Amino acid sequence: MTLLIAPLPSLAAGSVGRQPYDEKLLRLSELLGSLHYLRELCGAREGTLWRDRMNALINAEDPTPERRRAFIDRFNSGYSVLAEVHHGCTPTAVAIVERYSDEGARLIREIRAQYAQ
């Protein structure tokens, strides 16, 4: 299984307003929330790993309160949407973990390639 690599380095610490990569970071936030739920559901026993990665992303960005809320809302949405549907570790849940892990790794590579200094 491919797991997401370490969170991104600071791209815009202390920046005001939206950033050109925010849509990708918002999707990444949603993926982290989804993985936080599904990995635990499937017995990964990782504790707060995915929440910690989300906190590291937020800390690295040092976002405005509005951006911070948007990232947290997407993380929570990713978690709660899957919690409503998946109540056990099924082959579908395992497939989603794989797909979301791959997508997250791809997003991180793209953001780093386009925006990291």
PDB file of N, CA and C in Angstrom:
ATOM      1  N   MET A   1       0.823  -1.169   0.000  1.00  0.00           N
ATOM      2  CA  MET A   1       0.000   0.000   0.000  1.00  0.00           C
ATOM      3  C   MET A   1       0.878   1.246   0.000  1.00  0.00           C
ATOM      4  N   THR A   2       0.485   2.200  -0.776  1.00  0.00           N
ATOM      5  CA  THR A   2       1.196   3.470  -0.832  1.00  0.00           C
ATOM      6  C   THR A   2       0.602   4.394   0.213  1.00  0.00           C
ATOM      7  N   LEU A   3       1.427   4.894   1.102  1.00  0.00           N
ATOM      8  CA  LEU A   3       0.954   5.863   2.085  1.00  0.00           C
ATOM      9  C   LEU A   3       1.417   7.241   1.663  1.00  0.00           C
ATOM     10  N   LEU A   4       0.658   8.232   2.067  1.00  0.00           N
ATOM     11  CA  LEU A   4       1.042   9.604   1.752  1.00  0.00           C
ATOM     12  C   LEU A   4       2.391   9.920   2.354  1.00  0.00           C
ATOM     13  N   ILE A   5       3.173  10.636   1.600  1.00  0.00           N
ATOM     14  CA  ILE A   5       4.475  11.048   2.103  1.00  0.00           C
ATOM     15  C   ILE A   5       4.306  12.185   3.093  1.00  0.00           C
ATOM     16  N   ALA A   6       5.376  12.581   3.724  1.00  0.00           N
ATOM     17  CA  ALA A   6       5.333  13.629   4.736  1.00  0.00           C
ATOM     18  C   ALA A   6       4.635  14.871   4.195  1.00  0.00           C
ATOM     19  N   PRO A   7       4.020  15.633   5.087  1.00  0.00           N
ATOM     20  CA  PRO A   7       3.337  16.849   4.654  1.00  0.00           C
ATOM     21  C   PRO A   7       4.268  17.804   3.921  1.00  0.00           C
ATOM     22  N   LEU A   8       3.655  18.682   3.204  1.00  0.00           N
ATOM     23  CA  LEU A   8       4.385  19.651   2.399  1.00  0.00           C
ATOM     24  C   LEU A   8       5.166  20.626   3.267  1.00  0.00           C
ATOM     25  N   PRO A   9       6.283  21.102   2.744  1.00  0.00           N
ATOM     26  CA  PRO A   9       6.965  22.188   3.436  1.00  0.00           C
ATOM     27  C   PRO A   9       6.122  23.448   3.312  1.00  0.00           C
ATOM     28  N   SER A  10       6.413  24.417   4.115  1.00  0.00           N
ATOM     29  CA  SER A  10       5.666  25.658   4.048  1.00  0.00           C
ATOM     30  C   SER A  10       5.736  26.240   2.644  1.00  0.00           C
ATOM     31  N   LEU A  11       4.562  26.545   2.117  1.00  0.00           N
ATOM     32  CA  LEU A  11       4.512  27.134   0.783  1.00  0.00           C
ATOM     33  C   LEU A  11       4.240  28.628   0.859  1.00  0.00           C
ATOM     34  N   ALA A  12       3.448  28.999   1.833  1.00  0.00           N
ATOM     35  CA  ALA A  12       3.072  30.407   1.924  1.00  0.00           C
ATOM     36  C   ALA A  12       2.841  30.804   3.374  1.00  0.00           C
ATOM     37  N   ALA A  13       3.784  30.552   4.193  1.00  0.00           N
ATOM     38  CA  ALA A  13       3.624  30.816   5.627  1.00  0.00           C
ATOM     39  C   ALA A  13       3.193  32.254   5.854  1.00  0.00           C
ATOM     40  N   GLY A  14       2.122  32.380   6.617  1.00  0.00           N
ATOM     41  CA  GLY A  14       1.638  33.699   6.972  1.00  0.00           C
ATOM     42  C   GLY A  14       0.980  34.452   5.836  1.00  0.00           C
ATOM     43  N   SER A  15       0.712  33.792   4.736  1.00  0.00           N
ATOM     44  CA  SER A  15       0.132  34.482   3.594  1.00  0.00           C
ATOM     45  C   SER A  15      -1.311  34.862   3.878  1.00  0.00           C
ATOM     46  N   VAL A  16      -1.755  35.883   3.241  1.00  0.00           N
ATOM     47  CA  VAL A  16      -3.112  36.367   3.413  1.00  0.00           C
ATOM     48  C   VAL A  16      -3.933  35.925   2.218  1.00  0.00           C
ATOM     49  N   GLY A  17      -5.126  35.432   2.490  1.00  0.00           N
ATOM     50  CA  GLY A  17      -6.036  35.083   1.403  1.00  0.00           C
ATOM     51  C   GLY A  17      -5.733  33.732   0.777  1.00  0.00           C
ATOM     52  N   ARG A  18      -6.499  33.456  -0.254  1.00  0.00           N
ATOM     53  CA  ARG A  18      -6.370  32.174  -0.952  1.00  0.00           C
ATOM     54  C   ARG A  18      -5.068  32.102  -1.732  1.00  0.00           C
ATOM     55  N   GLN A  19      -4.610  30.879  -1.892  1.00  0.00           N
ATOM     56  CA  GLN A  19      -3.393  30.605  -2.645  1.00  0.00           C
ATOM     57  C   GLN A  19      -3.761  29.808  -3.901  1.00  0.00           C
ATOM     58  N   PRO A  20      -2.945  29.846  -4.933  1.00  0.00           N
ATOM     59  CA  PRO A  20      -3.284  29.146  -6.182  1.00  0.00           C
ATOM     60  C   PRO A  20      -3.366  27.627  -6.019  1.00  0.00           C
ATOM     61  N   TYR A  21      -2.798  27.086  -4.979  1.00  0.00           N
ATOM     62  CA  TYR A  21      -2.807  25.639  -4.763  1.00  0.00           C
ATOM     63  C   TYR A  21      -3.839  25.220  -3.718  1.00  0.00           C
ATOM     64  N   ASP A  22      -4.684  26.146  -3.280  1.00  0.00           N
ATOM     65  CA  ASP A  22      -5.636  25.832  -2.218  1.00  0.00           C
ATOM     66  C   ASP A  22      -6.594  24.707  -2.571  1.00  0.00           C
ATOM     67  N   GLU A  23      -7.067  24.645  -3.798  1.00  0.00           N
ATOM     68  CA  GLU A  23      -7.991  23.561  -4.156  1.00  0.00           C
ATOM     69  C   GLU A  23      -7.323  22.203  -3.957  1.00  0.00           C
ATOM     70  N   LYS A  24      -6.059  22.107  -4.303  1.00  0.00           N
ATOM     71  CA  LYS A  24      -5.335  20.846  -4.105  1.00  0.00           C
ATOM     72  C   LYS A  24      -5.134  20.567  -2.615  1.00  0.00           C
ATOM     73  N   LEU A  25      -4.830  21.601  -1.835  1.00  0.00           N
ATOM     74  CA  LEU A  25      -4.676  21.404  -0.395  1.00  0.00           C
ATOM     75  C   LEU A  25      -6.008  21.050   0.264  1.00  0.00           C
ATOM     76  N   LEU A  26      -7.083  21.627  -0.229  1.00  0.00           N
ATOM     77  CA  LEU A  26      -8.393  21.280   0.307  1.00  0.00           C
ATOM     78  C   LEU A  26      -8.730  19.822   0.013  1.00  0.00           C
ATOM     79  N   ARG A  27      -8.440  19.380  -1.201  1.00  0.00           N
ATOM     80  CA  ARG A  27      -8.672  17.974  -1.526  1.00  0.00           C
ATOM     81  C   ARG A  27      -7.775  17.078  -0.673  1.00  0.00           C
ATOM     82  N   LEU A  28      -6.535  17.470  -0.494  1.00  0.00           N
ATOM     83  CA  LEU A  28      -5.621  16.705   0.349  1.00  0.00           C
ATOM     84  C   LEU A  28      -6.158  16.635   1.784  1.00  0.00           C
ATOM     85  N   SER A  29      -6.708  17.722   2.280  1.00  0.00           N
ATOM     86  CA  SER A  29      -7.306  17.734   3.611  1.00  0.00           C
ATOM     87  C   SER A  29      -8.444  16.727   3.703  1.00  0.00           C
ATOM     88  N   GLU A  30      -9.270  16.693   2.679  1.00  0.00           N
ATOM     89  CA  GLU A  30     -10.381  15.737   2.632  1.00  0.00           C
ATOM     90  C   GLU A  30      -9.868  14.295   2.611  1.00  0.00           C
ATOM     91  N   LEU A  31      -8.834  14.058   1.836  1.00  0.00           N
ATOM     92  CA  LEU A  31      -8.237  12.719   1.768  1.00  0.00           C
ATOM     93  C   LEU A  31      -7.675  12.300   3.122  1.00  0.00           C
ATOM     94  N   LEU A  32      -7.016  13.220   3.809  1.00  0.00           N
ATOM     95  CA  LEU A  32      -6.460  12.904   5.124  1.00  0.00           C
ATOM     96  C   LEU A  32      -7.561  12.527   6.107  1.00  0.00           C
ATOM     97  N   GLY A  33      -8.673  13.244   6.074  1.00  0.00           N
ATOM     98  CA  GLY A  33      -9.809  12.903   6.931  1.00  0.00           C
ATOM     99  C   GLY A  33     -10.380  11.540   6.590  1.00  0.00           C
ATOM    100  N   SER A  34     -10.482  11.247   5.314  1.00  0.00           N
ATOM    101  CA  SER A  34     -10.980   9.948   4.869  1.00  0.00           C
ATOM    102  C   SER A  34     -10.062   8.823   5.316  1.00  0.00           C
ATOM    103  N   LEU A  35      -8.768   9.038   5.153  1.00  0.00           N
ATOM    104  CA  LEU A  35      -7.799   8.023   5.563  1.00  0.00           C
ATOM    105  C   LEU A  35      -7.779   7.855   7.079  1.00  0.00           C
ATOM    106  N   HIS A  36      -7.963   8.933   7.799  1.00  0.00           N
ATOM    107  CA  HIS A  36      -8.015   8.854   9.259  1.00  0.00           C
ATOM    108  C   HIS A  36      -9.142   7.907   9.690  1.00  0.00           C
ATOM    109  N   TYR A  37     -10.269   7.993   9.024  1.00  0.00           N
ATOM    110  CA  TYR A  37     -11.389   7.117   9.363  1.00  0.00           C
ATOM    111  C   TYR A  37     -11.163   5.694   8.862  1.00  0.00           C
ATOM    112  N   LEU A  38     -10.876   5.539   7.587  1.00  0.00           N
ATOM    113  CA  LEU A  38     -10.823   4.198   6.991  1.00  0.00           C
ATOM    114  C   LEU A  38      -9.655   3.357   7.474  1.00  0.00           C
ATOM    115  N   ARG A  39      -8.500   3.956   7.662  1.00  0.00           N
ATOM    116  CA  ARG A  39      -7.348   3.171   8.118  1.00  0.00           C
ATOM    117  C   ARG A  39      -7.622   2.591   9.514  1.00  0.00           C
ATOM    118  N   GLU A  40      -8.227   3.365  10.372  1.00  0.00           N
ATOM    119  CA  GLU A  40      -8.574   2.867  11.705  1.00  0.00           C
ATOM    120  C   GLU A  40      -9.649   1.787  11.608  1.00  0.00           C
ATOM    121  N   LEU A  41     -10.644   2.028  10.764  1.00  0.00           N
ATOM    122  CA  LEU A  41     -11.711   1.049  10.561  1.00  0.00           C
ATOM    123  C   LEU A  41     -11.149  -0.297  10.112  1.00  0.00           C
ATOM    124  N   CYS A  42     -10.105  -0.237   9.303  1.00  0.00           N
ATOM    125  CA  CYS A  42      -9.501  -1.458   8.755  1.00  0.00           C
ATOM    126  C   CYS A  42      -8.350  -1.982   9.624  1.00  0.00           C
ATOM    127  N   GLY A  43      -8.258  -1.492  10.858  1.00  0.00           N
ATOM    128  CA  GLY A  43      -7.336  -2.073  11.822  1.00  0.00           C
ATOM    129  C   GLY A  43      -5.894  -1.626  11.736  1.00  0.00           C
ATOM    130  N   ALA A  44      -5.632  -0.481  11.132  1.00  0.00           N
ATOM    131  CA  ALA A  44      -4.248  -0.021  10.972  1.00  0.00           C
ATOM    132  C   ALA A  44      -3.604   0.357  12.311  1.00  0.00           C
ATOM    133  N   ARG A  45      -4.386   0.715  13.285  1.00  0.00           N
ATOM    134  CA  ARG A  45      -3.876   1.080  14.616  1.00  0.00           C
ATOM    135  C   ARG A  45      -2.792   2.162  14.533  1.00  0.00           C
ATOM    136  N   GLU A  46      -3.088   3.198  13.799  1.00  0.00           N
ATOM    137  CA  GLU A  46      -2.136   4.301  13.620  1.00  0.00           C
ATOM    138  C   GLU A  46      -2.429   5.473  14.552  1.00  0.00           C
ATOM    139  N   GLY A  47      -3.448   5.349  15.356  1.00  0.00           N
ATOM    140  CA  GLY A  47      -3.779   6.419  16.284  1.00  0.00           C
ATOM    141  C   GLY A  47      -4.118   7.710  15.569  1.00  0.00           C
ATOM    142  N   THR A  48      -3.395   8.744  15.891  1.00  0.00           N
ATOM    143  CA  THR A  48      -3.690  10.075  15.344  1.00  0.00           C
ATOM    144  C   THR A  48      -2.795  10.441  14.150  1.00  0.00           C
ATOM    145  N   LEU A  49      -2.182   9.460  13.526  1.00  0.00           N
ATOM    146  CA  LEU A  49      -1.249   9.728  12.421  1.00  0.00           C
ATOM    147  C   LEU A  49      -1.824  10.683  11.383  1.00  0.00           C
ATOM    148  N   TRP A  50      -3.033  10.418  10.905  1.00  0.00           N
ATOM    149  CA  TRP A  50      -3.598  11.223   9.816  1.00  0.00           C
ATOM    150  C   TRP A  50      -4.038  12.589  10.315  1.00  0.00           C
ATOM    151  N   ARG A  51      -4.537  12.668  11.527  1.00  0.00           N
ATOM    152  CA  ARG A  51      -4.863  13.965  12.119  1.00  0.00           C
ATOM    153  C   ARG A  51      -3.575  14.762  12.343  1.00  0.00           C
ATOM    154  N   ASP A  52      -2.517  14.080  12.770  1.00  0.00           N
ATOM    155  CA  ASP A  52      -1.225  14.751  12.958  1.00  0.00           C
ATOM    156  C   ASP A  52      -0.692  15.298  11.641  1.00  0.00           C
ATOM    157  N   ARG A  53      -0.871  14.536  10.565  1.00  0.00           N
ATOM    158  CA  ARG A  53      -0.434  15.031   9.249  1.00  0.00           C
ATOM    159  C   ARG A  53      -1.247  16.250   8.829  1.00  0.00           C
ATOM    160  N   MET A  54      -2.530  16.236   9.160  1.00  0.00           N
ATOM    161  CA  MET A  54      -3.369  17.390   8.861  1.00  0.00           C
ATOM    162  C   MET A  54      -2.899  18.598   9.658  1.00  0.00           C
ATOM    163  N   ASN A  55      -2.614  18.396  10.942  1.00  0.00           N
ATOM    164  CA  ASN A  55      -2.102  19.494  11.766  1.00  0.00           C
ATOM    165  C   ASN A  55      -0.768  20.001  11.247  1.00  0.00           C
ATOM    166  N   ALA A  56       0.087  19.106  10.771  1.00  0.00           N
ATOM    167  CA  ALA A  56       1.380  19.524  10.215  1.00  0.00           C
ATOM    168  C   ALA A  56       1.173  20.361   8.957  1.00  0.00           C
ATOM    169  N   LEU A  57       0.211  19.978   8.132  1.00  0.00           N
ATOM    170  CA  LEU A  57      -0.089  20.752   6.925  1.00  0.00           C
ATOM    171  C   LEU A  57      -0.552  22.152   7.316  1.00  0.00           C
ATOM    172  N   ILE A  58      -1.465  22.223   8.271  1.00  0.00           N
ATOM    173  CA  ILE A  58      -1.968  23.529   8.713  1.00  0.00           C
ATOM    174  C   ILE A  58      -0.847  24.365   9.319  1.00  0.00           C
ATOM    175  N   ASN A  59      -0.033  23.760  10.154  1.00  0.00           N
ATOM    176  CA  ASN A  59       1.070  24.499  10.771  1.00  0.00           C
ATOM    177  C   ASN A  59       2.070  24.989   9.739  1.00  0.00           C
ATOM    178  N   ALA A  60       2.341  24.181   8.734  1.00  0.00           N
ATOM    179  CA  ALA A  60       3.278  24.582   7.682  1.00  0.00           C
ATOM    180  C   ALA A  60       2.728  25.740   6.866  1.00  0.00           C
ATOM    181  N   GLU A  61       1.438  25.742   6.647  1.00  0.00           N
ATOM    182  CA  GLU A  61       0.806  26.812   5.862  1.00  0.00           C
ATOM    183  C   GLU A  61       0.643  28.091   6.675  1.00  0.00           C
ATOM    184  N   ASP A  62       0.470  27.975   7.997  1.00  0.00           N
ATOM    185  CA  ASP A  62       0.200  29.129   8.835  1.00  0.00           C
ATOM    186  C   ASP A  62      -0.905  29.990   8.208  1.00  0.00           C
ATOM    187  N   PRO A  63      -2.079  29.357   7.978  1.00  0.00           N
ATOM    188  CA  PRO A  63      -3.123  30.042   7.209  1.00  0.00           C
ATOM    189  C   PRO A  63      -3.866  31.098   8.018  1.00  0.00           C
ATOM    190  N   THR A  64      -4.566  31.921   7.277  1.00  0.00           N
ATOM    191  CA  THR A  64      -5.497  32.851   7.900  1.00  0.00           C
ATOM    192  C   THR A  64      -6.596  32.021   8.575  1.00  0.00           C
ATOM    193  N   PRO A  65      -7.328  32.598   9.505  1.00  0.00           N
ATOM    194  CA  PRO A  65      -8.410  31.840  10.154  1.00  0.00           C
ATOM    195  C   PRO A  65      -9.416  31.254   9.148  1.00  0.00           C
ATOM    196  N   GLU A  66      -9.709  31.996   8.106  1.00  0.00           N
ATOM    197  CA  GLU A  66     -10.653  31.515   7.089  1.00  0.00           C
ATOM    198  C   GLU A  66     -10.111  30.284   6.359  1.00  0.00           C
ATOM    199  N   ARG A  67      -8.860  30.334   5.941  1.00  0.00           N
ATOM    200  CA  ARG A  67      -8.247  29.172   5.262  1.00  0.00           C
ATOM    201  C   ARG A  67      -8.136  27.999   6.216  1.00  0.00           C
ATOM    202  N   ARG A  68      -7.746  28.269   7.454  1.00  0.00           N
ATOM    203  CA  ARG A  68      -7.632  27.206   8.461  1.00  0.00           C
ATOM    204  C   ARG A  68      -8.970  26.483   8.615  1.00  0.00           C
ATOM    205  N   ARG A  69     -10.054  27.243   8.749  1.00  0.00           N
ATOM    206  CA  ARG A  69     -11.382  26.662   8.888  1.00  0.00           C
ATOM    207  C   ARG A  69     -11.731  25.824   7.660  1.00  0.00           C
ATOM    208  N   ALA A  70     -11.385  26.304   6.477  1.00  0.00           N
ATOM    209  CA  ALA A  70     -11.686  25.550   5.248  1.00  0.00           C
ATOM    210  C   ALA A  70     -10.948  24.213   5.237  1.00  0.00           C
ATOM    211  N   PHE A  71      -9.676  24.208   5.652  1.00  0.00           N
ATOM    212  CA  PHE A  71      -8.913  22.953   5.693  1.00  0.00           C
ATOM    213  C   PHE A  71      -9.528  21.982   6.702  1.00  0.00           C
ATOM    214  N   ILE A  72      -9.864  22.488   7.873  1.00  0.00           N
ATOM    215  CA  ILE A  72     -10.443  21.636   8.914  1.00  0.00           C
ATOM    216  C   ILE A  72     -11.807  21.101   8.486  1.00  0.00           C
ATOM    217  N   ASP A  73     -12.614  21.954   7.871  1.00  0.00           N
ATOM    218  CA  ASP A  73     -13.928  21.512   7.400  1.00  0.00           C
ATOM    219  C   ASP A  73     -13.810  20.389   6.383  1.00  0.00           C
ATOM    220  N   ARG A  74     -12.844  20.503   5.484  1.00  0.00           N
ATOM    221  CA  ARG A  74     -12.672  19.445   4.479  1.00  0.00           C
ATOM    222  C   ARG A  74     -12.169  18.157   5.106  1.00  0.00           C
ATOM    223  N   PHE A  75     -11.263  18.238   6.075  1.00  0.00           N
ATOM    224  CA  PHE A  75     -10.806  17.050   6.793  1.00  0.00           C
ATOM    225  C   PHE A  75     -11.997  16.365   7.461  1.00  0.00           C
ATOM    226  N   ASN A  76     -12.792  17.142   8.175  1.00  0.00           N
ATOM    227  CA  ASN A  76     -13.954  16.599   8.875  1.00  0.00           C
ATOM    228  C   ASN A  76     -14.980  16.023   7.906  1.00  0.00           C
ATOM    229  N   SER A  77     -15.148  16.664   6.780  1.00  0.00           N
ATOM    230  CA  SER A  77     -16.077  16.163   5.767  1.00  0.00           C
ATOM    231  C   SER A  77     -15.614  14.814   5.221  1.00  0.00           C
ATOM    232  N   GLY A  78     -14.322  14.703   4.920  1.00  0.00           N
ATOM    233  CA  GLY A  78     -13.782  13.436   4.429  1.00  0.00           C
ATOM    234  C   GLY A  78     -14.009  12.318   5.428  1.00  0.00           C
ATOM    235  N   TYR A  79     -13.841  12.623   6.692  1.00  0.00           N
ATOM    236  CA  TYR A  79     -14.052  11.641   7.760  1.00  0.00           C
ATOM    237  C   TYR A  79     -15.529  11.256   7.858  1.00  0.00           C
ATOM    238  N   SER A  80     -16.388  12.257   7.992  1.00  0.00           N
ATOM    239  CA  SER A  80     -17.794  11.978   8.294  1.00  0.00           C
ATOM    240  C   SER A  80     -18.554  11.360   7.130  1.00  0.00           C
ATOM    241  N   VAL A  81     -18.237  11.739   5.917  1.00  0.00           N
ATOM    242  CA  VAL A  81     -18.927  11.145   4.759  1.00  0.00           C
ATOM    243  C   VAL A  81     -18.670   9.642   4.716  1.00  0.00           C
ATOM    244  N   LEU A  82     -17.444   9.240   4.929  1.00  0.00           N
ATOM    245  CA  LEU A  82     -17.140   7.807   4.891  1.00  0.00           C
ATOM    246  C   LEU A  82     -17.668   7.093   6.128  1.00  0.00           C
ATOM    247  N   ALA A  83     -17.706   7.768   7.265  1.00  0.00           N
ATOM    248  CA  ALA A  83     -18.237   7.151   8.483  1.00  0.00           C
ATOM    249  C   ALA A  83     -19.727   6.853   8.347  1.00  0.00           C
ATOM    250  N   GLU A  84     -20.434   7.644   7.555  1.00  0.00           N
ATOM    251  CA  GLU A  84     -21.854   7.402   7.322  1.00  0.00           C
ATOM    252  C   GLU A  84     -22.092   6.155   6.480  1.00  0.00           C
ATOM    253  N   VAL A  85     -21.150   5.831   5.609  1.00  0.00           N
ATOM    254  CA  VAL A  85     -21.344   4.751   4.639  1.00  0.00           C
ATOM    255  C   VAL A  85     -20.650   3.455   5.039  1.00  0.00           C
ATOM    256  N   HIS A  86     -19.463   3.552   5.577  1.00  0.00           N
ATOM    257  CA  HIS A  86     -18.644   2.376   5.868  1.00  0.00           C
ATOM    258  C   HIS A  86     -18.630   2.090   7.371  1.00  0.00           C
ATOM    259  N   HIS A  87     -19.164   0.920   7.724  1.00  0.00           N
ATOM    260  CA  HIS A  87     -19.233   0.535   9.130  1.00  0.00           C
ATOM    261  C   HIS A  87     -18.348  -0.667   9.432  1.00  0.00           C
ATOM    262  N   GLY A  88     -17.685  -1.165   8.422  1.00  0.00           N
ATOM    263  CA  GLY A  88     -16.761  -2.277   8.577  1.00  0.00           C
ATOM    264  C   GLY A  88     -15.719  -2.213   7.479  1.00  0.00           C
ATOM    265  N   CYS A  89     -14.632  -2.917   7.669  1.00  0.00           N
ATOM    266  CA  CYS A  89     -13.556  -2.920   6.679  1.00  0.00           C
ATOM    267  C   CYS A  89     -13.915  -3.911   5.573  1.00  0.00           C
ATOM    268  N   THR A  90     -14.383  -3.379   4.489  1.00  0.00           N
ATOM    269  CA  THR A  90     -14.792  -4.183   3.338  1.00  0.00           C
ATOM    270  C   THR A  90     -13.753  -4.056   2.235  1.00  0.00           C
ATOM    271  N   PRO A  91     -13.833  -4.907   1.219  1.00  0.00           N
ATOM    272  CA  PRO A  91     -12.931  -4.729   0.071  1.00  0.00           C
ATOM    273  C   PRO A  91     -13.052  -3.337  -0.559  1.00  0.00           C
ATOM    274  N   THR A  92     -14.245  -2.774  -0.535  1.00  0.00           N
ATOM    275  CA  THR A  92     -14.435  -1.421  -1.068  1.00  0.00           C
ATOM    276  C   THR A  92     -13.680  -0.399  -0.230  1.00  0.00           C
ATOM    277  N   ALA A  93     -13.745  -0.526   1.087  1.00  0.00           N
ATOM    278  CA  ALA A  93     -13.019   0.400   1.969  1.00  0.00           C
ATOM    279  C   ALA A  93     -11.516   0.300   1.735  1.00  0.00           C
ATOM    280  N   VAL A  94     -11.012  -0.912   1.572  1.00  0.00           N
ATOM    281  CA  VAL A  94      -9.582  -1.117   1.309  1.00  0.00           C
ATOM    282  C   VAL A  94      -9.196  -0.482  -0.028  1.00  0.00           C
ATOM    283  N   ALA A  95     -10.049  -0.634  -1.020  1.00  0.00           N
ATOM    284  CA  ALA A  95      -9.778  -0.040  -2.341  1.00  0.00           C
ATOM    285  C   ALA A  95      -9.763   1.488  -2.258  1.00  0.00           C
ATOM    286  N   ILE A  96     -10.669   2.052  -1.463  1.00  0.00           N
ATOM    287  CA  ILE A  96     -10.695   3.506  -1.294  1.00  0.00           C
ATOM    288  C   ILE A  96      -9.411   3.987  -0.621  1.00  0.00           C
ATOM    289  N   VAL A  97      -8.943   3.258   0.375  1.00  0.00           N
ATOM    290  CA  VAL A  97      -7.684   3.622   1.036  1.00  0.00           C
ATOM    291  C   VAL A  97      -6.554   3.667   0.010  1.00  0.00           C
ATOM    292  N   GLU A  98      -6.471   2.657  -0.817  1.00  0.00           N
ATOM    293  CA  GLU A  98      -5.426   2.619  -1.858  1.00  0.00           C
ATOM    294  C   GLU A  98      -5.552   3.806  -2.801  1.00  0.00           C
ATOM    295  N   ARG A  99      -6.761   4.020  -3.303  1.00  0.00           N
ATOM    296  CA  ARG A  99      -6.994   5.087  -4.282  1.00  0.00           C
ATOM    297  C   ARG A  99      -6.706   6.460  -3.664  1.00  0.00           C
ATOM    298  N   TYR A 100      -7.172   6.685  -2.443  1.00  0.00           N
ATOM    299  CA  TYR A 100      -6.969   7.981  -1.804  1.00  0.00           C
ATOM    300  C   TYR A 100      -5.505   8.203  -1.428  1.00  0.00           C
ATOM    301  N   SER A 101      -4.819   7.158  -1.019  1.00  0.00           N
ATOM    302  CA  SER A 101      -3.388   7.276  -0.724  1.00  0.00           C
ATOM    303  C   SER A 101      -2.619   7.669  -1.976  1.00  0.00           C
ATOM    304  N   ASP A 102      -2.937   7.013  -3.086  1.00  0.00           N
ATOM    305  CA  ASP A 102      -2.282   7.337  -4.353  1.00  0.00           C
ATOM    306  C   ASP A 102      -2.592   8.761  -4.790  1.00  0.00           C
ATOM    307  N   GLU A 103      -3.864   9.161  -4.665  1.00  0.00           N
ATOM    308  CA  GLU A 103      -4.249  10.513  -5.056  1.00  0.00           C
ATOM    309  C   GLU A 103      -3.548  11.552  -4.187  1.00  0.00           C
ATOM    310  N   GLY A 104      -3.464  11.299  -2.893  1.00  0.00           N
ATOM    311  CA  GLY A 104      -2.782  12.228  -1.995  1.00  0.00           C
ATOM    312  C   GLY A 104      -1.316  12.377  -2.339  1.00  0.00           C
ATOM    313  N   ALA A 105      -0.661  11.261  -2.610  1.00  0.00           N
ATOM    314  CA  ALA A 105       0.758  11.310  -2.994  1.00  0.00           C
ATOM    315  C   ALA A 105       0.927  12.097  -4.296  1.00  0.00           C
ATOM    316  N   ARG A 106       0.002  11.900  -5.237  1.00  0.00           N
ATOM    317  CA  ARG A 106       0.061  12.630  -6.508  1.00  0.00           C
ATOM    318  C   ARG A 106      -0.120  14.130  -6.272  1.00  0.00           C
ATOM    319  N   LEU A 107      -1.085  14.494  -5.452  1.00  0.00           N
ATOM    320  CA  LEU A 107      -1.315  15.916  -5.163  1.00  0.00           C
ATOM    321  C   LEU A 107      -0.090  16.557  -4.526  1.00  0.00           C
ATOM    322  N   ILE A 108       0.524  15.867  -3.601  1.00  0.00           N
ATOM    323  CA  ILE A 108       1.722  16.403  -2.957  1.00  0.00           C
ATOM    324  C   ILE A 108       2.842  16.601  -3.980  1.00  0.00           C
ATOM    325  N   ARG A 109       3.040  15.628  -4.842  1.00  0.00           N
ATOM    326  CA  ARG A 109       4.075  15.774  -5.892  1.00  0.00           C
ATOM    327  C   ARG A 109       3.778  16.971  -6.780  1.00  0.00           C
ATOM    328  N   GLU A 110       2.520  17.128  -7.189  1.00  0.00           N
ATOM    329  CA  GLU A 110       2.144  18.245  -8.065  1.00  0.00           C
ATOM    330  C   GLU A 110       2.350  19.592  -7.381  1.00  0.00           C
ATOM    331  N   ILE A 111       1.922  19.695  -6.137  1.00  0.00           N
ATOM    332  CA  ILE A 111       2.061  20.960  -5.414  1.00  0.00           C
ATOM    333  C   ILE A 111       3.552  21.299  -5.234  1.00  0.00           C
ATOM    334  N   ARG A 112       4.332  20.314  -4.863  1.00  0.00           N
ATOM    335  CA  ARG A 112       5.773  20.552  -4.704  1.00  0.00           C
ATOM    336  C   ARG A 112       6.406  20.982  -6.022  1.00  0.00           C
ATOM    337  N   ALA A 113       6.047  20.317  -7.092  1.00  0.00           N
ATOM    338  CA  ALA A 113       6.647  20.623  -8.399  1.00  0.00           C
ATOM    339  C   ALA A 113       6.267  22.023  -8.860  1.00  0.00           C
ATOM    340  N   GLN A 114       5.050  22.436  -8.582  1.00  0.00           N
ATOM    341  CA  GLN A 114       4.573  23.732  -9.079  1.00  0.00           C
ATOM    342  C   GLN A 114       4.884  24.905  -8.161  1.00  0.00           C
ATOM    343  N   TYR A 115       4.882  24.661  -6.831  1.00  0.00           N
ATOM    344  CA  TYR A 115       4.891  25.803  -5.924  1.00  0.00           C
ATOM    345  C   TYR A 115       5.995  25.829  -4.867  1.00  0.00           C
ATOM    346  N   ALA A 116       6.588  24.695  -4.547  1.00  0.00           N
ATOM    347  CA  ALA A 116       7.600  24.692  -3.499  1.00  0.00           C
ATOM    348  C   ALA A 116       8.861  25.387  -3.987  1.00  0.00           C
ATOM    349  N   GLN A 117       9.506  26.085  -3.063  1.00  0.00           N
ATOM    350  CA  GLN A 117      10.701  26.849  -3.460  1.00  0.00           C
ATOM    351  C   GLN A 117      11.940  26.138  -2.994  1.00  0.00           C
TER     352      GLN A 117
END
